[in-house]
Amino acid sequence: MSSDSTVKRLVLAYSGGLDTSCILVWLKDQGYKVVCYMANIGQDEDMEAARSKALSLGAEKVYIEDIREEFVTDFIFPAIQANVLYEDRYQLGTAIARPCIAKKHIEIAMKEKANYVSHGATGKGNDQVRFELTYYSLFPDVQVCYLCFCHGLPVYHKLNV
C-alpha cells in the first residue's frame, strides 16, 4: 500500500503501558514510521495522557477511536444472544474486544497506507491469535510485526501468512 517502498509505515495498537511504549521505541529503532492507535471500548484510562506519551516517544500521530457503540452492538449483544461462554463457565469480555479493536486497527492501517501492523500481545496467549486472525481476514497482505519474549530475551517476529 505504501507509495514509497523504502518507507516502512506501521500502525501500532498502543495502550500507553510499558509494553507498547517499549515496542513503539523499538519499532522506531528498526526504521518504522509508527502511527499509534488506541481503542476506547469503555475502559477507565486517560487516553490523552497516553497520546502525549506516544508522541513524546516518537509516534508520528495517534488515533484515539471511540468504538464503544460498535463493541456493544456488533460484539457484546450477539455474544449475549448466543449465550457464548468460555470453558462453559465465563462470559467473554476481553476475548470479544480483541476482534473489534483489530477491525478498527486495520481500517486505520488502510487509511494510513501502512503495510505493517503491530500489537502488544505477548505471543504466548490467545490475544495474539484474536488480533492476527482478524487482521488477516480483513487485510490479507498485511505484515504483522511483534516483539515477544523467549527465555527472557526479546524475539522479533514479522509474519505474512
Protein backbone atom coordinates (compact mmCIF):
# COMPACT_ATOMS: atom_id res chain seq x y z
CA MET A 1 0.00 0.00 0.00
CA SER A 2 2.83 2.40 0.69
CA SER A 3 3.68 4.50 -2.34
CA ASP A 4 7.30 4.77 -1.22
CA SER A 5 8.56 1.20 -0.88
CA THR A 6 11.53 2.32 1.22
CA VAL A 7 9.29 3.73 3.97
CA LYS A 8 8.10 1.08 6.39
CA ARG A 9 4.84 2.55 7.71
CA LEU A 10 3.29 0.73 10.67
CA VAL A 11 0.22 1.19 12.86
CA LEU A 12 0.73 0.06 16.46
CA ALA A 13 -2.16 -0.86 18.76
CA TYR A 14 -0.99 1.27 21.68
CA SER A 15 -2.15 1.23 25.30
CA GLY A 16 0.24 3.70 26.88
CA GLY A 17 1.61 0.97 29.13
CA LEU A 18 5.17 -0.24 29.46
CA ASP A 19 4.97 -3.00 26.82
CA THR A 20 3.56 -0.95 23.96
CA SER A 21 5.71 2.05 24.87
CA CYS A 22 8.84 -0.10 24.62
CA ILE A 23 7.54 -1.63 21.39
CA LEU A 24 6.99 1.86 19.95
CA VAL A 25 10.57 2.91 20.63
CA TRP A 26 11.93 -0.42 19.42
CA LEU A 27 9.95 -0.24 16.15
CA LYS A 28 11.27 3.27 15.51
CA ASP A 29 14.79 1.95 16.11
CA GLN A 30 14.08 -0.72 13.47
CA GLY A 31 13.29 2.00 10.93
CA TYR A 32 9.49 2.01 11.01
CA LYS A 33 7.40 5.18 10.77
CA VAL A 34 4.96 4.49 13.60
CA VAL A 35 1.37 5.67 13.90
CA CYS A 36 -0.33 4.67 17.15
CA TYR A 37 -3.94 3.60 17.56
CA MET A 38 -5.85 3.44 20.81
CA ALA A 39 -9.35 1.99 21.16
CA ASN A 40 -11.85 3.28 23.67
CA ILE A 41 -14.14 0.35 24.45
CA GLY A 42 -15.24 1.83 27.77
CA GLN A 43 -12.16 1.30 29.92
CA ASP A 44 -11.27 3.92 32.52
CA GLU A 45 -7.97 5.22 31.13
CA ASP A 46 -6.51 8.65 30.48
CA MET A 47 -6.29 8.45 26.71
CA GLU A 48 -4.94 11.99 26.33
CA ALA A 49 -2.03 11.23 28.68
CA ALA A 50 -1.29 8.12 26.62
CA ARG A 51 -1.45 10.17 23.42
CA SER A 52 1.09 12.64 24.85
CA LYS A 53 3.34 9.77 25.89
CA ALA A 54 3.22 8.15 22.43
CA LEU A 55 4.04 11.44 20.71
CA SER A 56 6.91 12.09 23.13
CA LEU A 57 8.29 8.63 22.32
CA GLY A 58 8.27 9.39 18.60
CA ALA A 59 4.91 8.36 17.18
CA GLU A 60 4.05 10.35 14.06
CA LYS A 61 0.42 10.62 15.12
CA VAL A 62 -2.06 8.95 17.46
CA TYR A 63 -5.60 7.92 16.69
CA ILE A 64 -7.96 7.57 19.66
CA GLU A 65 -11.06 5.83 18.38
CA ASP A 66 -14.29 5.57 20.36
CA ILE A 67 -15.59 2.13 19.37
CA ARG A 68 -17.91 1.60 22.35
CA GLU A 69 -21.12 1.58 20.33
CA GLU A 70 -19.77 -0.84 17.74
CA PHE A 71 -18.36 -3.06 20.51
CA VAL A 72 -21.71 -3.28 22.26
CA THR A 73 -23.97 -3.61 19.21
CA ASP A 74 -21.81 -5.80 16.98
CA PHE A 75 -19.93 -7.89 19.55
CA ILE A 76 -21.43 -7.86 23.07
CA PHE A 77 -25.14 -8.13 22.13
CA PRO A 78 -24.60 -11.02 19.70
CA ALA A 79 -22.43 -12.83 22.27
CA ILE A 80 -25.13 -12.47 24.92
CA GLN A 81 -27.82 -13.58 22.47
CA ALA A 82 -25.74 -16.65 21.63
CA ASN A 83 -25.02 -17.33 25.32
CA VAL A 84 -21.32 -17.50 24.48
CA LEU A 85 -19.29 -18.85 27.38
CA TYR A 86 -15.60 -19.55 27.81
CA GLU A 87 -14.97 -23.06 29.11
CA ASP A 88 -18.74 -23.31 29.72
CA ARG A 89 -18.39 -21.01 32.74
CA TYR A 90 -17.37 -17.42 31.98
CA GLN A 91 -18.87 -14.64 29.91
CA LEU A 92 -16.37 -13.42 27.36
CA GLY A 93 -15.05 -9.90 27.85
CA THR A 94 -11.54 -9.13 26.67
CA ALA A 95 -11.69 -12.01 24.19
CA ILE A 96 -14.62 -10.40 22.37
CA ALA A 97 -13.00 -6.96 22.47
CA ARG A 98 -9.88 -8.03 20.54
CA PRO A 99 -11.54 -8.58 17.12
CA CYS A 100 -13.41 -5.27 17.48
CA ILE A 101 -10.16 -3.46 18.30
CA ALA A 102 -8.34 -5.24 15.46
CA LYS A 103 -11.05 -4.35 12.94
CA LYS A 104 -10.58 -0.62 13.58
CA HIS A 105 -6.78 -1.16 13.63
CA ILE A 106 -6.91 -2.44 10.05
CA GLU A 107 -9.20 0.41 8.96
CA ILE A 108 -6.58 2.86 10.24
CA ALA A 109 -3.72 0.92 8.62
CA MET A 110 -5.52 1.15 5.28
CA LYS A 111 -6.26 4.86 5.77
CA GLU A 112 -2.58 5.46 6.62
CA LYS A 113 -1.41 3.32 3.69
CA ALA A 114 0.56 1.14 6.11
CA ASN A 115 1.59 -2.37 5.13
CA TYR A 116 2.54 -3.26 8.70
CA VAL A 117 0.67 -3.50 11.99
CA SER A 118 1.84 -4.36 15.47
CA HIS A 119 0.26 -5.12 18.83
CA GLY A 120 1.35 -5.65 22.41
CA ALA A 121 0.06 -9.22 22.81
CA THR A 122 2.80 -11.38 24.27
CA GLY A 123 2.94 -14.06 21.62
CA LYS A 124 2.14 -16.65 24.26
CA GLY A 125 -1.62 -16.33 24.51
CA ASN A 126 -4.91 -16.24 22.71
CA ASP A 127 -4.94 -12.45 22.30
CA GLN A 128 -2.25 -12.69 19.63
CA VAL A 129 -4.43 -15.13 17.69
CA ARG A 130 -7.54 -12.98 18.09
CA PHE A 131 -5.74 -9.90 16.78
CA GLU A 132 -3.94 -11.57 13.92
CA LEU A 133 -6.80 -13.68 12.57
CA THR A 134 -8.87 -10.51 12.38
CA TYR A 135 -6.01 -8.65 10.67
CA TYR A 136 -5.53 -11.32 8.02
CA SER A 137 -9.27 -11.77 7.40
CA LEU A 138 -9.66 -8.05 6.65
CA PHE A 139 -6.27 -7.27 5.06
CA PRO A 140 -4.65 -10.49 3.79
CA ASP A 141 -1.46 -8.74 2.63
CA VAL A 142 -0.73 -7.02 5.94
CA GLN A 143 2.51 -7.90 7.69
CA VAL A 144 2.38 -8.28 11.45
CA CYS A 145 5.39 -7.25 13.48
CA TYR A 146 5.51 -8.07 17.15
CA LEU A 147 8.00 -8.42 19.92
CA CYS A 148 7.70 -11.34 22.31
CA PHE A 149 9.99 -12.85 24.88
CA CYS A 150 11.52 -16.29 24.68
CA HIS A 151 13.58 -17.43 27.67
CA GLY A 152 13.63 -13.83 28.87
CA LEU A 153 15.11 -12.46 25.64
CA PRO A 154 13.24 -10.31 23.13
CA VAL A 155 12.42 -12.07 19.87
CA TYR A 156 11.20 -10.13 16.84
CA HIS A 157 8.68 -11.69 14.51
CA LYS A 158 7.46 -10.40 11.20
CA LEU A 159 4.64 -12.52 9.83
CA ASN A 160 2.97 -12.62 6.47
CA VAL A 161 0.71 -15.63 6.27
